């Protein structure tokens, strides 16, 4: 089982138990922020499609996960992640 499949299973588990941590205390990053930063497209797609995910949360640097994805795409790091945000808008 690859890492993304295991990660997706873990995300599904947290949602099913309603114990999902929305933001990390130190960085203010949500699960969506973390998935964007790690270029985990399957996880980003799952989270964007989930009704409980709040896309407008900002980390402590004042950036939404979508803004992080846009910044990464401008640096040629990952255009596909930003395209997922456009797909789910």
PDB file of N, CA and C in Angstrom:
ATOM      1  N   UNK A   1       0.849  -1.168   0.000  1.00  0.00           N
ATOM      2  CA  UNK A   1       0.000   0.000   0.000  1.00  0.00           C
ATOM      3  C   UNK A   1       0.898   1.235   0.000  1.00  0.00           C
ATOM      4  N   UNK A   2       0.659   2.145  -0.936  1.00  0.00           N
ATOM      5  CA  UNK A   2       1.532   3.317  -0.992  1.00  0.00           C
ATOM      6  C   UNK A   2       1.162   4.343   0.077  1.00  0.00           C
ATOM      7  N   UNK A   3       2.015   5.325   0.236  1.00  0.00           N
ATOM      8  CA  UNK A   3       1.855   6.313   1.306  1.00  0.00           C
ATOM      9  C   UNK A   3       0.562   7.098   1.155  1.00  0.00           C
ATOM     10  N   UNK A   4       0.221   7.514  -0.081  1.00  0.00           N
ATOM     11  CA  UNK A   4      -0.985   8.308  -0.259  1.00  0.00           C
ATOM     12  C   UNK A   4      -2.238   7.506   0.073  1.00  0.00           C
ATOM     13  N   UNK A   5      -2.274   6.241  -0.270  1.00  0.00           N
ATOM     14  CA  UNK A   5      -3.440   5.416   0.047  1.00  0.00           C
ATOM     15  C   UNK A   5      -3.579   5.271   1.559  1.00  0.00           C
ATOM     16  N   UNK A   6      -2.480   5.027   2.249  1.00  0.00           N
ATOM     17  CA  UNK A   6      -2.520   4.937   3.714  1.00  0.00           C
ATOM     18  C   UNK A   6      -2.941   6.266   4.322  1.00  0.00           C
ATOM     19  N   UNK A   7      -2.424   7.367   3.790  1.00  0.00           N
ATOM     20  CA  UNK A   7      -2.776   8.694   4.305  1.00  0.00           C
ATOM     21  C   UNK A   7      -4.252   8.971   4.095  1.00  0.00           C
ATOM     22  N   UNK A   8      -4.774   8.607   2.927  1.00  0.00           N
ATOM     23  CA  UNK A   8      -6.183   8.819   2.633  1.00  0.00           C
ATOM     24  C   UNK A   8      -7.045   7.985   3.567  1.00  0.00           C
ATOM     25  N   UNK A   9      -6.622   6.776   3.853  1.00  0.00           N
ATOM     26  CA  UNK A   9      -7.351   5.924   4.799  1.00  0.00           C
ATOM     27  C   UNK A   9      -7.371   6.562   6.185  1.00  0.00           C
ATOM     28  N   UNK A  10      -6.271   7.143   6.592  1.00  0.00           N
ATOM     29  CA  UNK A  10      -6.185   7.796   7.889  1.00  0.00           C
ATOM     30  C   UNK A  10      -7.099   9.011   7.945  1.00  0.00           C
ATOM     31  N   UNK A  11      -7.106   9.815   6.895  1.00  0.00           N
ATOM     32  CA  UNK A  11      -7.981  10.988   6.829  1.00  0.00           C
ATOM     33  C   UNK A  11      -9.433  10.538   6.919  1.00  0.00           C
ATOM     34  N   UNK A  12      -9.798   9.502   6.182  1.00  0.00           N
ATOM     35  CA  UNK A  12     -11.166   8.978   6.226  1.00  0.00           C
ATOM     36  C   UNK A  12     -11.532   8.532   7.631  1.00  0.00           C
ATOM     37  N   UNK A  13     -10.601   7.881   8.312  1.00  0.00           N
ATOM     38  CA  UNK A  13     -10.838   7.422   9.676  1.00  0.00           C
ATOM     39  C   UNK A  13     -11.128   8.592  10.607  1.00  0.00           C
ATOM     40  N   UNK A  14     -10.319   9.634  10.543  1.00  0.00           N
ATOM     41  CA  UNK A  14     -10.526  10.781  11.421  1.00  0.00           C
ATOM     42  C   UNK A  14     -11.884  11.430  11.177  1.00  0.00           C
ATOM     43  N   UNK A  15     -12.261  11.551   9.897  1.00  0.00           N
ATOM     44  CA  UNK A  15     -13.577  12.118   9.601  1.00  0.00           C
ATOM     45  C   UNK A  15     -14.682  11.236  10.166  1.00  0.00           C
ATOM     46  N   UNK A  16     -14.544   9.936  10.037  1.00  0.00           N
ATOM     47  CA  UNK A  16     -15.591   9.030  10.512  1.00  0.00           C
ATOM     48  C   UNK A  16     -15.740   9.088  12.028  1.00  0.00           C
ATOM     49  N   UNK A  17     -14.670   9.346  12.736  1.00  0.00           N
ATOM     50  CA  UNK A  17     -14.700   9.431  14.199  1.00  0.00           C
ATOM     51  C   UNK A  17     -14.966  10.851  14.690  1.00  0.00           C
ATOM     52  N   UNK A  18     -15.063  11.790  13.784  1.00  0.00           N
ATOM     53  CA  UNK A  18     -15.278  13.202  14.094  1.00  0.00           C
ATOM     54  C   UNK A  18     -14.226  13.737  15.058  1.00  0.00           C
ATOM     55  N   UNK A  19     -13.006  13.288  14.884  1.00  0.00           N
ATOM     56  CA  UNK A  19     -11.899  13.748  15.725  1.00  0.00           C
ATOM     57  C   UNK A  19     -10.818  14.408  14.871  1.00  0.00           C
ATOM     58  N   UNK A  20     -11.238  15.014  13.808  1.00  0.00           N
ATOM     59  CA  UNK A  20     -10.274  15.592  12.884  1.00  0.00           C
ATOM     60  C   UNK A  20      -9.719  16.889  13.440  1.00  0.00           C
ATOM     61  N   UNK A  21      -8.414  17.035  13.448  1.00  0.00           N
ATOM     62  CA  UNK A  21      -7.770  18.264  13.913  1.00  0.00           C
ATOM     63  C   UNK A  21      -7.742  19.253  12.759  1.00  0.00           C
ATOM     64  N   UNK A  22      -8.445  20.365  12.928  1.00  0.00           N
ATOM     65  CA  UNK A  22      -8.551  21.327  11.823  1.00  0.00           C
ATOM     66  C   UNK A  22      -7.302  22.179  11.673  1.00  0.00           C
ATOM     67  N   UNK A  23      -6.695  22.580  12.766  1.00  0.00           N
ATOM     68  CA  UNK A  23      -5.494  23.400  12.665  1.00  0.00           C
ATOM     69  C   UNK A  23      -4.475  22.974  13.706  1.00  0.00           C
ATOM     70  N   UNK A  24      -3.225  23.028  13.282  1.00  0.00           N
ATOM     71  CA  UNK A  24      -2.107  22.712  14.162  1.00  0.00           C
ATOM     72  C   UNK A  24      -1.808  23.946  15.010  1.00  0.00           C
ATOM     73  N   UNK A  25      -1.586  23.759  16.302  1.00  0.00           N
ATOM     74  CA  UNK A  25      -1.361  24.891  17.202  1.00  0.00           C
ATOM     75  C   UNK A  25      -0.114  25.706  16.863  1.00  0.00           C
ATOM     76  N   UNK A  26       0.945  25.063  16.402  1.00  0.00           N
ATOM     77  CA  UNK A  26       2.203  25.772  16.164  1.00  0.00           C
ATOM     78  C   UNK A  26       2.207  26.591  14.875  1.00  0.00           C
ATOM     79  N   UNK A  27       1.761  26.003  13.793  1.00  0.00           N
ATOM     80  CA  UNK A  27       1.850  26.693  12.502  1.00  0.00           C
ATOM     81  C   UNK A  27       0.521  27.249  12.030  1.00  0.00           C
ATOM     82  N   UNK A  28      -0.564  26.806  12.653  1.00  0.00           N
ATOM     83  CA  UNK A  28      -1.887  27.225  12.194  1.00  0.00           C
ATOM     84  C   UNK A  28      -2.318  26.507  10.929  1.00  0.00           C
ATOM     85  N   UNK A  29      -1.545  25.511  10.515  1.00  0.00           N
ATOM     86  CA  UNK A  29      -1.854  24.794   9.277  1.00  0.00           C
ATOM     87  C   UNK A  29      -2.980  23.794   9.499  1.00  0.00           C
ATOM     88  N   UNK A  30      -3.873  23.725   8.533  1.00  0.00           N
ATOM     89  CA  UNK A  30      -4.926  22.715   8.551  1.00  0.00           C
ATOM     90  C   UNK A  30      -4.419  21.475   7.818  1.00  0.00           C
ATOM     91  N   UNK A  31      -5.210  20.434   7.827  1.00  0.00           N
ATOM     92  CA  UNK A  31      -4.858  19.233   7.069  1.00  0.00           C
ATOM     93  C   UNK A  31      -4.720  19.573   5.592  1.00  0.00           C
ATOM     94  N   UNK A  32      -5.562  20.481   5.112  1.00  0.00           N
ATOM     95  CA  UNK A  32      -5.490  20.887   3.705  1.00  0.00           C
ATOM     96  C   UNK A  32      -4.178  21.621   3.419  1.00  0.00           C
ATOM     97  N   UNK A  33      -3.772  22.517   4.307  1.00  0.00           N
ATOM     98  CA  UNK A  33      -2.474  23.200   4.162  1.00  0.00           C
ATOM     99  C   UNK A  33      -1.345  22.162   4.076  1.00  0.00           C
ATOM    100  N   UNK A  34      -1.375  21.217   5.003  1.00  0.00           N
ATOM    101  CA  UNK A  34      -0.314  20.210   5.069  1.00  0.00           C
ATOM    102  C   UNK A  34      -0.264  19.355   3.806  1.00  0.00           C
ATOM    103  N   UNK A  35      -1.426  18.973   3.300  1.00  0.00           N
ATOM    104  CA  UNK A  35      -1.468  18.165   2.073  1.00  0.00           C
ATOM    105  C   UNK A  35      -0.927  18.952   0.883  1.00  0.00           C
ATOM    106  N   UNK A  36      -1.252  20.240   0.819  1.00  0.00           N
ATOM    107  CA  UNK A  36      -0.737  21.093  -0.265  1.00  0.00           C
ATOM    108  C   UNK A  36       0.785  21.178  -0.171  1.00  0.00           C
ATOM    109  N   UNK A  37       1.297  21.458   1.020  1.00  0.00           N
ATOM    110  CA  UNK A  37       2.741  21.606   1.198  1.00  0.00           C
ATOM    111  C   UNK A  37       3.502  20.332   0.877  1.00  0.00           C
ATOM    112  N   UNK A  38       2.860  19.186   1.077  1.00  0.00           N
ATOM    113  CA  UNK A  38       3.520  17.901   0.819  1.00  0.00           C
ATOM    114  C   UNK A  38       3.215  17.344  -0.576  1.00  0.00           C
ATOM    115  N   UNK A  39       2.458  18.125  -1.361  1.00  0.00           N
ATOM    116  CA  UNK A  39       2.123  17.742  -2.732  1.00  0.00           C
ATOM    117  C   UNK A  39       1.368  16.405  -2.783  1.00  0.00           C
ATOM    118  N   UNK A  40       0.430  16.239  -1.850  1.00  0.00           N
ATOM    119  CA  UNK A  40      -0.364  15.014  -1.785  1.00  0.00           C
ATOM    120  C   UNK A  40      -1.697  15.240  -2.501  1.00  0.00           C
ATOM    121  N   UNK A  41      -1.661  15.140  -3.810  1.00  0.00           N
ATOM    122  CA  UNK A  41      -2.823  15.435  -4.642  1.00  0.00           C
ATOM    123  C   UNK A  41      -4.072  14.651  -4.288  1.00  0.00           C
ATOM    124  N   UNK A  42      -3.923  13.361  -3.993  1.00  0.00           N
ATOM    125  CA  UNK A  42      -5.091  12.541  -3.642  1.00  0.00           C
ATOM    126  C   UNK A  42      -5.750  13.038  -2.361  1.00  0.00           C
ATOM    127  N   UNK A  43      -4.928  13.436  -1.411  1.00  0.00           N
ATOM    128  CA  UNK A  43      -5.448  13.928  -0.133  1.00  0.00           C
ATOM    129  C   UNK A  43      -6.112  15.288  -0.327  1.00  0.00           C
ATOM    130  N   UNK A  44      -5.465  16.166  -1.096  1.00  0.00           N
ATOM    131  CA  UNK A  44      -6.042  17.481  -1.382  1.00  0.00           C
ATOM    132  C   UNK A  44      -7.403  17.305  -2.051  1.00  0.00           C
ATOM    133  N   UNK A  45      -7.471  16.427  -3.035  1.00  0.00           N
ATOM    134  CA  UNK A  45      -8.733  16.199  -3.749  1.00  0.00           C
ATOM    135  C   UNK A  45      -9.810  15.667  -2.799  1.00  0.00           C
ATOM    136  N   UNK A  46      -9.454  14.726  -1.943  1.00  0.00           N
ATOM    137  CA  UNK A  46     -10.402  14.181  -0.972  1.00  0.00           C
ATOM    138  C   UNK A  46     -10.908  15.278  -0.041  1.00  0.00           C
ATOM    139  N   UNK A  47      -9.986  16.072   0.494  1.00  0.00           N
ATOM    140  CA  UNK A  47     -10.367  17.125   1.433  1.00  0.00           C
ATOM    141  C   UNK A  47     -11.228  18.192   0.765  1.00  0.00           C
ATOM    142  N   UNK A  48     -10.891  18.576  -0.443  1.00  0.00           N
ATOM    143  CA  UNK A  48     -11.672  19.592  -1.144  1.00  0.00           C
ATOM    144  C   UNK A  48     -13.095  19.114  -1.429  1.00  0.00           C
ATOM    145  N   UNK A  49     -13.257  17.817  -1.578  1.00  0.00           N
ATOM    146  CA  UNK A  49     -14.574  17.266  -1.844  1.00  0.00           C
ATOM    147  C   UNK A  49     -15.384  16.964  -0.590  1.00  0.00           C
ATOM    148  N   UNK A  50     -14.777  17.130   0.568  1.00  0.00           N
ATOM    149  CA  UNK A  50     -15.468  16.809   1.815  1.00  0.00           C
ATOM    150  C   UNK A  50     -16.215  18.038   2.337  1.00  0.00           C
ATOM    151  N   UNK A  51     -17.494  17.884   2.695  1.00  0.00           N
ATOM    152  CA  UNK A  51     -18.288  19.047   3.126  1.00  0.00           C
ATOM    153  C   UNK A  51     -17.841  19.681   4.442  1.00  0.00           C
ATOM    154  N   UNK A  52     -17.076  18.962   5.265  1.00  0.00           N
ATOM    155  CA  UNK A  52     -16.654  19.517   6.562  1.00  0.00           C
ATOM    156  C   UNK A  52     -15.357  20.304   6.494  1.00  0.00           C
ATOM    157  N   UNK A  53     -14.695  20.290   5.369  1.00  0.00           N
ATOM    158  CA  UNK A  53     -13.430  21.016   5.238  1.00  0.00           C
ATOM    159  C   UNK A  53     -13.705  22.500   5.023  1.00  0.00           C
ATOM    160  N   UNK A  54     -13.022  23.305   5.808  1.00  0.00           N
ATOM    161  CA  UNK A  54     -13.170  24.759   5.702  1.00  0.00           C
ATOM    162  C   UNK A  54     -11.998  25.290   4.887  1.00  0.00           C
ATOM    163  N   UNK A  55     -12.268  25.669   3.663  1.00  0.00           N
ATOM    164  CA  UNK A  55     -11.213  26.092   2.737  1.00  0.00           C
ATOM    165  C   UNK A  55     -10.649  27.464   3.059  1.00  0.00           C
ATOM    166  N   UNK A  56     -11.349  28.248   3.839  1.00  0.00           N
ATOM    167  CA  UNK A  56     -10.924  29.631   4.095  1.00  0.00           C
ATOM    168  C   UNK A  56     -10.051  29.786   5.336  1.00  0.00           C
ATOM    169  N   UNK A  57      -9.732  28.679   6.022  1.00  0.00           N
ATOM    170  CA  UNK A  57      -8.844  28.776   7.187  1.00  0.00           C
ATOM    171  C   UNK A  57      -7.476  29.300   6.758  1.00  0.00           C
ATOM    172  N   UNK A  58      -6.916  30.168   7.574  1.00  0.00           N
ATOM    173  CA  UNK A  58      -5.585  30.720   7.289  1.00  0.00           C
ATOM    174  C   UNK A  58      -4.591  30.200   8.317  1.00  0.00           C
ATOM    175  N   UNK A  59      -3.364  29.968   7.845  1.00  0.00           N
ATOM    176  CA  UNK A  59      -2.303  29.568   8.771  1.00  0.00           C
ATOM    177  C   UNK A  59      -1.781  30.822   9.475  1.00  0.00           C
ATOM    178  N   UNK A  60      -0.776  30.673  10.299  1.00  0.00           N
ATOM    179  CA  UNK A  60      -0.261  31.825  11.052  1.00  0.00           C
ATOM    180  C   UNK A  60       0.443  32.856  10.181  1.00  0.00           C
ATOM    181  N   UNK A  61       0.730  32.479   8.932  1.00  0.00           N
ATOM    182  CA  UNK A  61       1.297  33.437   7.984  1.00  0.00           C
ATOM    183  C   UNK A  61       0.202  34.149   7.198  1.00  0.00           C
ATOM    184  N   UNK A  62      -1.060  33.842   7.528  1.00  0.00           N
ATOM    185  CA  UNK A  62      -2.191  34.503   6.882  1.00  0.00           C
ATOM    186  C   UNK A  62      -2.561  33.940   5.521  1.00  0.00           C
ATOM    187  N   UNK A  63      -2.119  32.723   5.225  1.00  0.00           N
ATOM    188  CA  UNK A  63      -2.390  32.135   3.906  1.00  0.00           C
ATOM    189  C   UNK A  63      -3.384  30.979   3.994  1.00  0.00           C
ATOM    190  N   UNK A  64      -4.312  30.972   3.064  1.00  0.00           N
ATOM    191  CA  UNK A  64      -5.194  29.822   2.929  1.00  0.00           C
ATOM    192  C   UNK A  64      -4.423  28.720   2.202  1.00  0.00           C
ATOM    193  N   UNK A  65      -4.957  27.522   2.231  1.00  0.00           N
ATOM    194  CA  UNK A  65      -4.315  26.420   1.508  1.00  0.00           C
ATOM    195  C   UNK A  65      -4.316  26.701   0.004  1.00  0.00           C
ATOM    196  N   UNK A  66      -5.370  27.336  -0.477  1.00  0.00           N
ATOM    197  CA  UNK A  66      -5.427  27.673  -1.904  1.00  0.00           C
ATOM    198  C   UNK A  66      -4.333  28.668  -2.276  1.00  0.00           C
ATOM    199  N   UNK A  67      -4.077  29.634  -1.411  1.00  0.00           N
ATOM    200  CA  UNK A  67      -3.004  30.605  -1.666  1.00  0.00           C
ATOM    201  C   UNK A  67      -1.645  29.902  -1.678  1.00  0.00           C
ATOM    202  N   UNK A  68      -1.457  28.944  -0.759  1.00  0.00           N
ATOM    203  CA  UNK A  68      -0.215  28.165  -0.766  1.00  0.00           C
ATOM    204  C   UNK A  68      -0.065  27.412  -2.090  1.00  0.00           C
ATOM    205  N   UNK A  69      -1.168  26.823  -2.547  1.00  0.00           N
ATOM    206  CA  UNK A  69      -1.132  26.082  -3.809  1.00  0.00           C
ATOM    207  C   UNK A  69      -0.802  27.011  -4.978  1.00  0.00           C
ATOM    208  N   UNK A  70      -1.390  28.209  -4.963  1.00  0.00           N
ATOM    209  CA  UNK A  70      -1.096  29.193  -6.014  1.00  0.00           C
ATOM    210  C   UNK A  70       0.373  29.594  -5.973  1.00  0.00           C
ATOM    211  N   UNK A  71       0.888  29.884  -4.787  1.00  0.00           N
ATOM    212  CA  UNK A  71       2.298  30.256  -4.641  1.00  0.00           C
ATOM    213  C   UNK A  71       3.216  29.147  -5.155  1.00  0.00           C
ATOM    214  N   UNK A  72       2.885  27.901  -4.813  1.00  0.00           N
ATOM    215  CA  UNK A  72       3.703  26.762  -5.256  1.00  0.00           C
ATOM    216  C   UNK A  72       3.643  26.614  -6.777  1.00  0.00           C
ATOM    217  N   UNK A  73       2.475  26.871  -7.364  1.00  0.00           N
ATOM    218  CA  UNK A  73       2.357  26.735  -8.816  1.00  0.00           C
ATOM    219  C   UNK A  73       3.167  27.817  -9.526  1.00  0.00           C
ATOM    220  N   UNK A  74       3.236  29.006  -8.940  1.00  0.00           N
ATOM    221  CA  UNK A  74       4.023  30.094  -9.524  1.00  0.00           C
ATOM    222  C   UNK A  74       5.516  29.790  -9.471  1.00  0.00           C
ATOM    223  N   UNK A  75       5.909  28.979  -8.494  1.00  0.00           N
ATOM    224  CA  UNK A  75       7.316  28.599  -8.373  1.00  0.00           C
ATOM    225  C   UNK A  75       7.597  27.296  -9.127  1.00  0.00           C
ATOM    226  N   UNK A  76       6.624  26.873  -9.939  1.00  0.00           N
ATOM    227  CA  UNK A  76       6.737  25.638 -10.730  1.00  0.00           C
ATOM    228  C   UNK A  76       6.936  24.397  -9.877  1.00  0.00           C
ATOM    229  N   UNK A  77       6.398  24.425  -8.651  1.00  0.00           N
ATOM    230  CA  UNK A  77       6.534  23.256  -7.786  1.00  0.00           C
ATOM    231  C   UNK A  77       5.387  22.279  -7.994  1.00  0.00           C
ATOM    232  N   UNK A  78       4.176  22.783  -8.180  1.00  0.00           N
ATOM    233  CA  UNK A  78       3.053  21.870  -8.334  1.00  0.00           C
ATOM    234  C   UNK A  78       1.830  22.570  -8.892  1.00  0.00           C
ATOM    235  N   UNK A  79       1.695  22.578 -10.189  1.00  0.00           N
ATOM    236  CA  UNK A  79       0.533  23.159 -10.843  1.00  0.00           C
ATOM    237  C   UNK A  79      -0.709  22.303 -10.618  1.00  0.00           C
ATOM    238  N   UNK A  80      -0.528  20.983 -10.515  1.00  0.00           N
ATOM    239  CA  UNK A  80      -1.686  20.083 -10.407  1.00  0.00           C
ATOM    240  C   UNK A  80      -2.486  20.320  -9.125  1.00  0.00           C
ATOM    241  N   UNK A  81      -1.824  20.689  -8.050  1.00  0.00           N
ATOM    242  CA  UNK A  81      -2.541  20.938  -6.796  1.00  0.00           C
ATOM    243  C   UNK A  81      -3.424  22.169  -6.934  1.00  0.00           C
ATOM    244  N   UNK A  82      -2.894  23.236  -7.514  1.00  0.00           N
ATOM    245  CA  UNK A  82      -3.704  24.443  -7.698  1.00  0.00           C
ATOM    246  C   UNK A  82      -4.878  24.161  -8.617  1.00  0.00           C
ATOM    247  N   UNK A  83      -4.677  23.343  -9.626  1.00  0.00           N
ATOM    248  CA  UNK A  83      -5.768  22.992 -10.541  1.00  0.00           C
ATOM    249  C   UNK A  83      -6.901  22.272  -9.810  1.00  0.00           C
ATOM    250  N   UNK A  84      -6.577  21.524  -8.764  1.00  0.00           N
ATOM    251  CA  UNK A  84      -7.623  20.873  -7.964  1.00  0.00           C
ATOM    252  C   UNK A  84      -8.507  21.911  -7.279  1.00  0.00           C
ATOM    253  N   UNK A  85      -7.917  22.993  -6.789  1.00  0.00           N
ATOM    254  CA  UNK A  85      -8.726  24.057  -6.164  1.00  0.00           C
ATOM    255  C   UNK A  85      -9.651  24.681  -7.193  1.00  0.00           C
ATOM    256  N   UNK A  86      -9.167  24.866  -8.395  1.00  0.00           N
ATOM    257  CA  UNK A  86     -10.012  25.431  -9.446  1.00  0.00           C
ATOM    258  C   UNK A  86     -11.140  24.478  -9.807  1.00  0.00           C
ATOM    259  N   UNK A  87     -10.842  23.191  -9.811  1.00  0.00           N
ATOM    260  CA  UNK A  87     -11.839  22.156 -10.130  1.00  0.00           C
ATOM    261  C   UNK A  87     -12.974  22.170  -9.102  1.00  0.00           C
ATOM    262  N   UNK A  88     -12.626  22.395  -7.840  1.00  0.00           N
ATOM    263  CA  UNK A  88     -13.630  22.351  -6.768  1.00  0.00           C
ATOM    264  C   UNK A  88     -14.188  23.721  -6.388  1.00  0.00           C
ATOM    265  N   UNK A  89     -13.948  24.750  -7.221  1.00  0.00           N
ATOM    266  CA  UNK A  89     -14.486  26.061  -6.859  1.00  0.00           C
ATOM    267  C   UNK A  89     -15.927  26.211  -7.269  1.00  0.00           C
TER     268      UNK A  89
END
